[in-house]
Each structure stands twice: as C-alpha cells, then as structure tokens.
Amino acid sequence: MLIDHDAVKELDSVYELIDWARLEHHLKDIHSSSRGEKAWPPLMMFKALLLQSWYKLSDSALEKQLARDLLFCRFIALDISESVPDHNTFWRFRQTLDKLLLMDKLLQEINSQLIDKGLYIKSGGISIVDASVIEAKQCRPNKDKDKHSTQNPDAKWNVKSGSDGKSKSTYGYKSHINVDDDGLIKSIDYTAGNVHDSNCFTGLLDGEESSVYADSAYSSNKHSEWLDDRNIDNRIINRAYEINH
C-alpha cells in the first residue's frame, strides 16, 4: 500500500503515457533468479533503471532512493512493505538486458509509443550526447553462499579532473546516453567506468540528426568528419587548446 498524496503522483503523467504491457512482452524471456535470491519482476527492474537514468543515480543511490522515496516506489509499483532490490541486483539486471540485446528494443518501444501519440519525432532533430558514472559499491572480493563473487566484475576505476584541477576517482560503470532536446532517451549504452566517453559516440547516433550537441570529451577530427559526411550540424564543444590555436 502506498500513501495517497499529490507529492507521490508527480510521475503519474509520465507513467500513463506508456503501455507497459507492451514493454513487459519484450521482457518475457528474462527468467526468475536461479541463485536462490528473490526474483524481482523484470518490468519493475526496468522501471527502476529508467529512474536511475533520469535522476543520474548510482546503483547504491538507487537502492537507497527506493527505500525512502514514495514517488519512486509508486512509479515501479513497489509496496512500502516490501524489501528493496540491492545494488548488485540492478547491476546483474543491466547485464542481462545487455546480453539479450534488450535495452535498445525497450527504448525503441517507448519511443514508438510516443511517436504514435505525436510526442516524439521519429528521425532528425537534435541529439544531446553525454556520459555519467554509475558508482558501484566497493567491497572485498568475497564469495556469497553460492560461491558467486560479491564484486561487480565489470566495474572499473574512472578518473576525472575537476574544475579545480584535482582528480576524482570513482569505481563503477558509465552510462552513455543520447537524448533529444526534451530529455527523451533515444539510445543508451553501458560500459566499464574506464571507457572514454568518446568511444561510444557514433554508436549512440542514427546518422539522421540535424544537430548533435556534446561536451569537449567528444571533440575529435574523426567525429567531426563523421558528422560532416552526414551533413549533421556539429555542436560539439571544442577543447580549450583547439580554441587557443
């Protein structure tokens, strides 16, 4: 049972745009856990990953948010009396989607529904490409009762320089995302945290954009040529040294 209050209904308008049964159909081949763990409904887990992308949360932060935020619980249909999926569960589910090549299919289904409602332009338009680090919980490489590693084996260290010149290291993954100017997700990819943002650039695009925006991490002659060859307006921010020369 969830508390009936306007504050927990703020995502209802978004929720009601989507025919979730059609998405659930794509998830039908994801089976229950074979490791003796609680088997979370695949659709619930996918909704949680959507929230994670929208709010740019780490796996641990997503776990905590679901434990204390009624808005999030309502969106994924998690009763407040239920336990919450842990951070490793989100990681494993994301890996399953990747293995079954389902993430793009699910996003295409959402976008197809929005197109049918006149809320999304199928091709062309603006693409905004960015990457964010999904922090993974660090732990010793122990084994659980079934002798599975308790670490996330694909998590790697990401090192980024801040505006103050100091380096910040984060252990985890990266989500590489392409959204339109309304923030609707066009495509998404997940990699280890040490993969450079620019490595996923062209794979996120369909080549039919009118303009592509991205920060200086994506600035390169290769990407400029790729965009020029397709007559796409290049709005990638140049690196400082390129501006000064």
Protein backbone atom coordinates (compact mmCIF):
# COMPACT_ATOMS: atom_id res chain seq x y z
CA MET A 1 0.00 0.00 0.00
CA LEU A 2 1.27 3.46 -0.94
CA ILE A 3 0.28 6.75 0.68
CA ASP A 4 -2.21 8.71 -1.44
CA HIS A 5 -0.71 12.20 -1.75
CA ASP A 6 -0.10 14.57 -4.67
CA ALA A 7 3.64 14.56 -3.94
CA VAL A 8 3.92 10.86 -4.79
CA LYS A 9 1.90 11.29 -8.00
CA GLU A 10 4.30 13.67 -9.76
CA LEU A 11 5.43 10.98 -12.21
CA ASP A 12 1.92 9.69 -12.93
CA SER A 13 1.59 11.73 -16.12
CA VAL A 14 4.80 10.16 -17.44
CA TYR A 15 3.72 6.70 -16.31
CA GLU A 16 0.37 6.97 -18.06
CA LEU A 17 1.98 7.79 -21.42
CA ILE A 18 3.40 4.28 -21.71
CA ASP A 19 1.66 0.98 -22.42
CA TRP A 20 3.77 -1.05 -20.02
CA ALA A 21 2.25 -4.36 -21.13
CA ARG A 22 3.98 -3.96 -24.49
CA LEU A 23 7.30 -3.45 -22.72
CA GLU A 24 6.65 -6.43 -20.47
CA HIS A 25 6.27 -8.57 -23.59
CA HIS A 26 9.89 -7.80 -24.54
CA LEU A 27 10.99 -8.90 -21.06
CA LYS A 28 9.23 -12.26 -21.12
CA ASP A 29 12.46 -14.21 -21.73
CA ILE A 30 14.07 -12.95 -18.52
CA HIS A 31 13.57 -15.77 -16.08
CA SER A 32 13.40 -15.88 -12.32
CA SER A 33 16.61 -15.96 -10.30
CA SER A 34 18.35 -19.32 -10.26
CA ARG A 35 20.55 -18.34 -7.33
CA GLY A 36 18.06 -18.64 -4.51
CA GLU A 37 17.52 -14.88 -4.40
CA LYS A 38 14.24 -13.01 -4.53
CA ALA A 39 13.06 -12.89 -8.15
CA TRP A 40 12.14 -9.29 -8.88
CA PRO A 41 9.65 -8.67 -11.73
CA PRO A 42 11.65 -7.67 -14.85
CA LEU A 43 9.29 -4.78 -15.64
CA MET A 44 9.76 -3.38 -12.14
CA MET A 45 13.54 -3.57 -12.56
CA PHE A 46 13.41 -1.82 -15.94
CA LYS A 47 11.31 1.00 -14.49
CA ALA A 48 13.94 1.38 -11.77
CA LEU A 49 16.68 1.69 -14.41
CA LEU A 50 14.65 4.41 -16.13
CA LEU A 51 14.52 6.33 -12.85
CA GLN A 52 18.25 5.80 -12.45
CA SER A 53 18.93 7.33 -15.88
CA TRP A 54 16.56 10.26 -15.38
CA TYR A 55 17.93 11.15 -11.96
CA LYS A 56 21.57 10.13 -12.64
CA LEU A 57 21.85 7.82 -9.64
CA SER A 58 24.46 5.23 -8.78
CA ASP A 59 23.28 1.68 -8.09
CA SER A 60 23.68 2.25 -4.35
CA ALA A 61 21.87 5.59 -4.52
CA LEU A 62 19.02 3.98 -6.47
CA GLU A 63 18.70 1.32 -3.79
CA LYS A 64 18.55 3.97 -1.06
CA GLN A 65 16.10 6.12 -3.01
CA LEU A 66 13.69 3.22 -3.42
CA ALA A 67 13.94 2.51 0.30
CA ARG A 68 12.86 6.02 1.29
CA ASP A 69 11.13 7.74 -1.65
CA LEU A 70 7.44 7.01 -2.11
CA LEU A 71 7.49 8.70 -5.52
CA PHE A 72 9.97 6.11 -6.79
CA CYS A 73 8.09 3.24 -5.15
CA ARG A 74 4.84 4.30 -6.79
CA PHE A 75 6.45 4.52 -10.24
CA ILE A 76 7.84 0.99 -10.15
CA ALA A 77 4.84 -0.43 -8.20
CA LEU A 78 6.88 -1.43 -5.16
CA ASP A 79 4.81 -1.71 -2.00
CA ILE A 80 6.29 0.05 1.04
CA SER A 81 6.01 -3.21 2.98
CA GLU A 82 8.33 -4.96 0.51
CA SER A 83 12.10 -5.14 0.63
CA VAL A 84 14.14 -3.24 -1.97
CA PRO A 85 16.41 -4.68 -4.70
CA ASP A 86 20.05 -4.19 -3.74
CA HIS A 87 22.73 -2.52 -5.85
CA ASN A 88 24.11 -5.83 -7.16
CA THR A 89 20.66 -6.81 -8.38
CA PHE A 90 20.48 -3.69 -10.54
CA TRP A 91 23.93 -4.43 -11.95
CA ARG A 92 23.01 -8.04 -12.82
CA PHE A 93 19.73 -6.98 -14.41
CA ARG A 94 21.53 -4.39 -16.54
CA GLN A 95 23.98 -7.09 -17.64
CA THR A 96 21.07 -9.36 -18.56
CA LEU A 97 19.47 -6.66 -20.71
CA ASP A 98 22.80 -6.12 -22.42
CA LYS A 99 23.35 -9.84 -23.02
CA LEU A 100 19.88 -10.25 -24.53
CA LEU A 101 20.20 -7.01 -26.57
CA LEU A 102 17.00 -5.75 -24.95
CA MET A 103 17.82 -2.19 -23.88
CA ASP A 104 17.60 -0.71 -27.39
CA LYS A 105 14.42 -2.71 -28.10
CA LEU A 106 12.80 -1.36 -24.93
CA LEU A 107 13.75 2.24 -25.71
CA GLN A 108 12.55 1.82 -29.30
CA GLU A 109 9.22 0.54 -27.98
CA ILE A 110 8.86 3.57 -25.70
CA ASN A 111 9.77 5.97 -28.50
CA SER A 112 7.42 4.21 -30.91
CA GLN A 113 4.55 4.72 -28.48
CA LEU A 114 5.47 8.39 -28.08
CA ILE A 115 5.58 8.78 -31.87
CA ASP A 116 2.07 7.31 -32.09
CA LYS A 117 0.92 9.91 -29.56
CA GLY A 118 2.59 12.72 -31.51
CA LEU A 119 5.02 13.40 -28.68
CA TYR A 120 8.24 12.36 -30.37
CA ILE A 121 9.83 12.99 -33.77
CA LYS A 122 10.98 9.72 -35.32
CA SER A 123 14.13 10.94 -37.06
CA GLY A 124 16.19 14.07 -37.42
CA GLY A 125 16.07 16.75 -34.78
CA ILE A 126 18.59 17.42 -32.06
CA SER A 127 20.65 14.83 -30.22
CA ILE A 128 22.48 15.59 -26.97
CA VAL A 129 25.16 13.04 -26.12
CA ASP A 130 26.60 12.70 -22.64
CA ALA A 131 28.02 10.15 -20.23
CA SER A 132 27.71 9.77 -16.48
CA VAL A 133 29.41 7.48 -14.00
CA ILE A 134 27.29 4.94 -12.14
CA GLU A 135 29.16 4.35 -8.91
CA ALA A 136 29.44 0.72 -7.82
CA LYS A 137 29.78 -0.28 -4.21
CA GLN A 138 33.33 -1.31 -3.38
CA CYS A 139 33.86 -4.46 -1.39
CA ARG A 140 36.43 -7.15 -0.84
CA PRO A 141 36.36 -9.91 -3.49
CA ASN A 142 34.46 -12.36 -1.27
CA LYS A 143 32.07 -15.13 -2.26
CA ASP A 144 28.44 -15.44 -1.29
CA LYS A 145 26.87 -18.68 -0.02
CA ASP A 146 26.58 -19.98 -3.61
CA LYS A 147 30.27 -19.14 -4.27
CA HIS A 148 29.43 -16.24 -6.60
CA SER A 149 31.62 -13.16 -6.42
CA THR A 150 30.13 -10.31 -4.41
CA GLN A 151 32.03 -7.78 -6.52
CA ASN A 152 30.82 -6.33 -9.79
CA PRO A 153 33.49 -7.74 -12.15
CA ASP A 154 32.87 -5.22 -14.94
CA ALA A 155 33.23 -2.15 -12.73
CA LYS A 156 36.43 -0.16 -13.27
CA TRP A 157 38.02 3.00 -11.93
CA ASN A 158 37.12 6.26 -13.66
CA VAL A 159 39.46 9.21 -13.13
CA LYS A 160 38.20 12.69 -13.96
CA SER A 161 39.77 16.10 -13.46
CA GLY A 162 37.56 18.66 -11.75
CA SER A 163 37.32 22.39 -12.40
CA ASP A 164 39.76 22.90 -9.52
CA GLY A 165 42.39 20.81 -11.28
CA LYS A 166 42.11 17.95 -8.80
CA SER A 167 41.46 14.40 -9.94
CA LYS A 168 38.48 12.43 -8.67
CA SER A 169 38.41 8.64 -8.88
CA THR A 170 35.13 6.71 -8.97
CA TYR A 171 34.70 2.94 -9.08
CA GLY A 172 31.85 1.81 -11.30
CA TYR A 173 30.35 1.96 -14.76
CA LYS A 174 29.36 4.57 -17.30
CA SER A 175 26.01 5.16 -18.91
CA HIS A 176 26.39 6.72 -22.34
CA ILE A 177 23.17 8.39 -23.39
CA ASN A 178 21.62 10.20 -26.34
CA VAL A 179 18.58 12.36 -25.58
CA ASP A 180 16.57 14.86 -27.58
CA ASP A 181 16.08 18.49 -26.57
CA ASP A 182 13.11 17.48 -24.40
CA GLY A 183 15.22 14.96 -22.49
CA LEU A 184 13.60 11.88 -24.06
CA ILE A 185 16.04 8.98 -24.26
CA LYS A 186 16.89 7.95 -27.83
CA SER A 187 19.60 5.42 -27.05
CA ILE A 188 21.77 4.29 -24.17
CA ASP A 189 24.83 2.11 -23.67
CA TYR A 190 26.64 0.86 -20.57
CA THR A 191 30.38 0.28 -20.26
CA ALA A 192 33.03 -0.11 -17.59
CA GLY A 193 33.94 3.15 -15.87
CA ASN A 194 37.35 3.40 -17.53
CA VAL A 195 35.97 3.54 -21.09
CA HIS A 196 36.40 7.03 -22.55
CA ASP A 197 33.17 8.89 -23.31
CA SER A 198 34.09 9.35 -26.98
CA ASN A 199 34.31 5.60 -27.66
CA CYS A 200 30.52 5.29 -27.72
CA PHE A 201 29.72 8.50 -29.62
CA THR A 202 28.77 7.26 -33.10
CA GLY A 203 27.09 4.13 -31.73
CA LEU A 204 24.54 6.32 -29.93
CA LEU A 205 23.54 8.20 -33.09
CA ASP A 206 21.41 7.12 -36.06
CA GLY A 207 23.05 9.47 -38.58
CA GLU A 208 19.82 11.33 -39.33
CA GLU A 209 20.15 14.08 -36.72
CA SER A 210 20.01 17.73 -37.72
CA SER A 211 22.37 18.76 -34.89
CA VAL A 212 24.46 16.96 -32.29
CA TYR A 213 25.50 18.58 -29.01
CA ALA A 214 28.21 17.17 -26.75
CA ASP A 215 30.94 18.38 -24.41
CA SER A 216 34.64 18.60 -25.24
CA ALA A 217 35.29 14.96 -24.33
CA TYR A 218 33.77 14.07 -27.72
CA SER A 219 35.80 16.59 -29.73
CA SER A 220 37.97 14.91 -32.38
CA ASN A 221 38.72 15.10 -36.09
CA LYS A 222 37.19 11.65 -36.51
CA HIS A 223 33.86 12.72 -35.03
CA SER A 224 33.86 15.99 -36.96
CA GLU A 225 34.37 14.09 -40.22
CA TRP A 226 31.64 11.58 -39.30
CA LEU A 227 29.15 14.40 -38.73
CA ASP A 228 30.26 16.34 -41.83
CA ASP A 229 29.84 13.25 -44.04
CA ARG A 230 26.19 13.10 -42.95
CA ASN A 231 25.54 16.86 -43.13
CA ILE A 232 24.89 16.98 -39.39
CA ASP A 233 25.45 20.31 -37.65
CA ASN A 234 28.41 19.79 -35.31
CA ARG A 235 27.75 21.39 -31.93
CA ILE A 236 30.48 19.57 -30.02
CA ILE A 237 32.34 21.95 -27.70
CA ASN A 238 35.95 22.34 -28.79
CA ARG A 239 38.74 21.63 -26.36
CA ALA A 240 40.45 24.69 -24.90
CA TYR A 241 43.70 24.03 -26.71
CA GLU A 242 41.85 23.83 -30.02
CA ILE A 243 40.24 27.22 -29.42
CA ASN A 244 43.54 28.83 -28.48
CA HIS A 245 45.37 27.69 -31.62
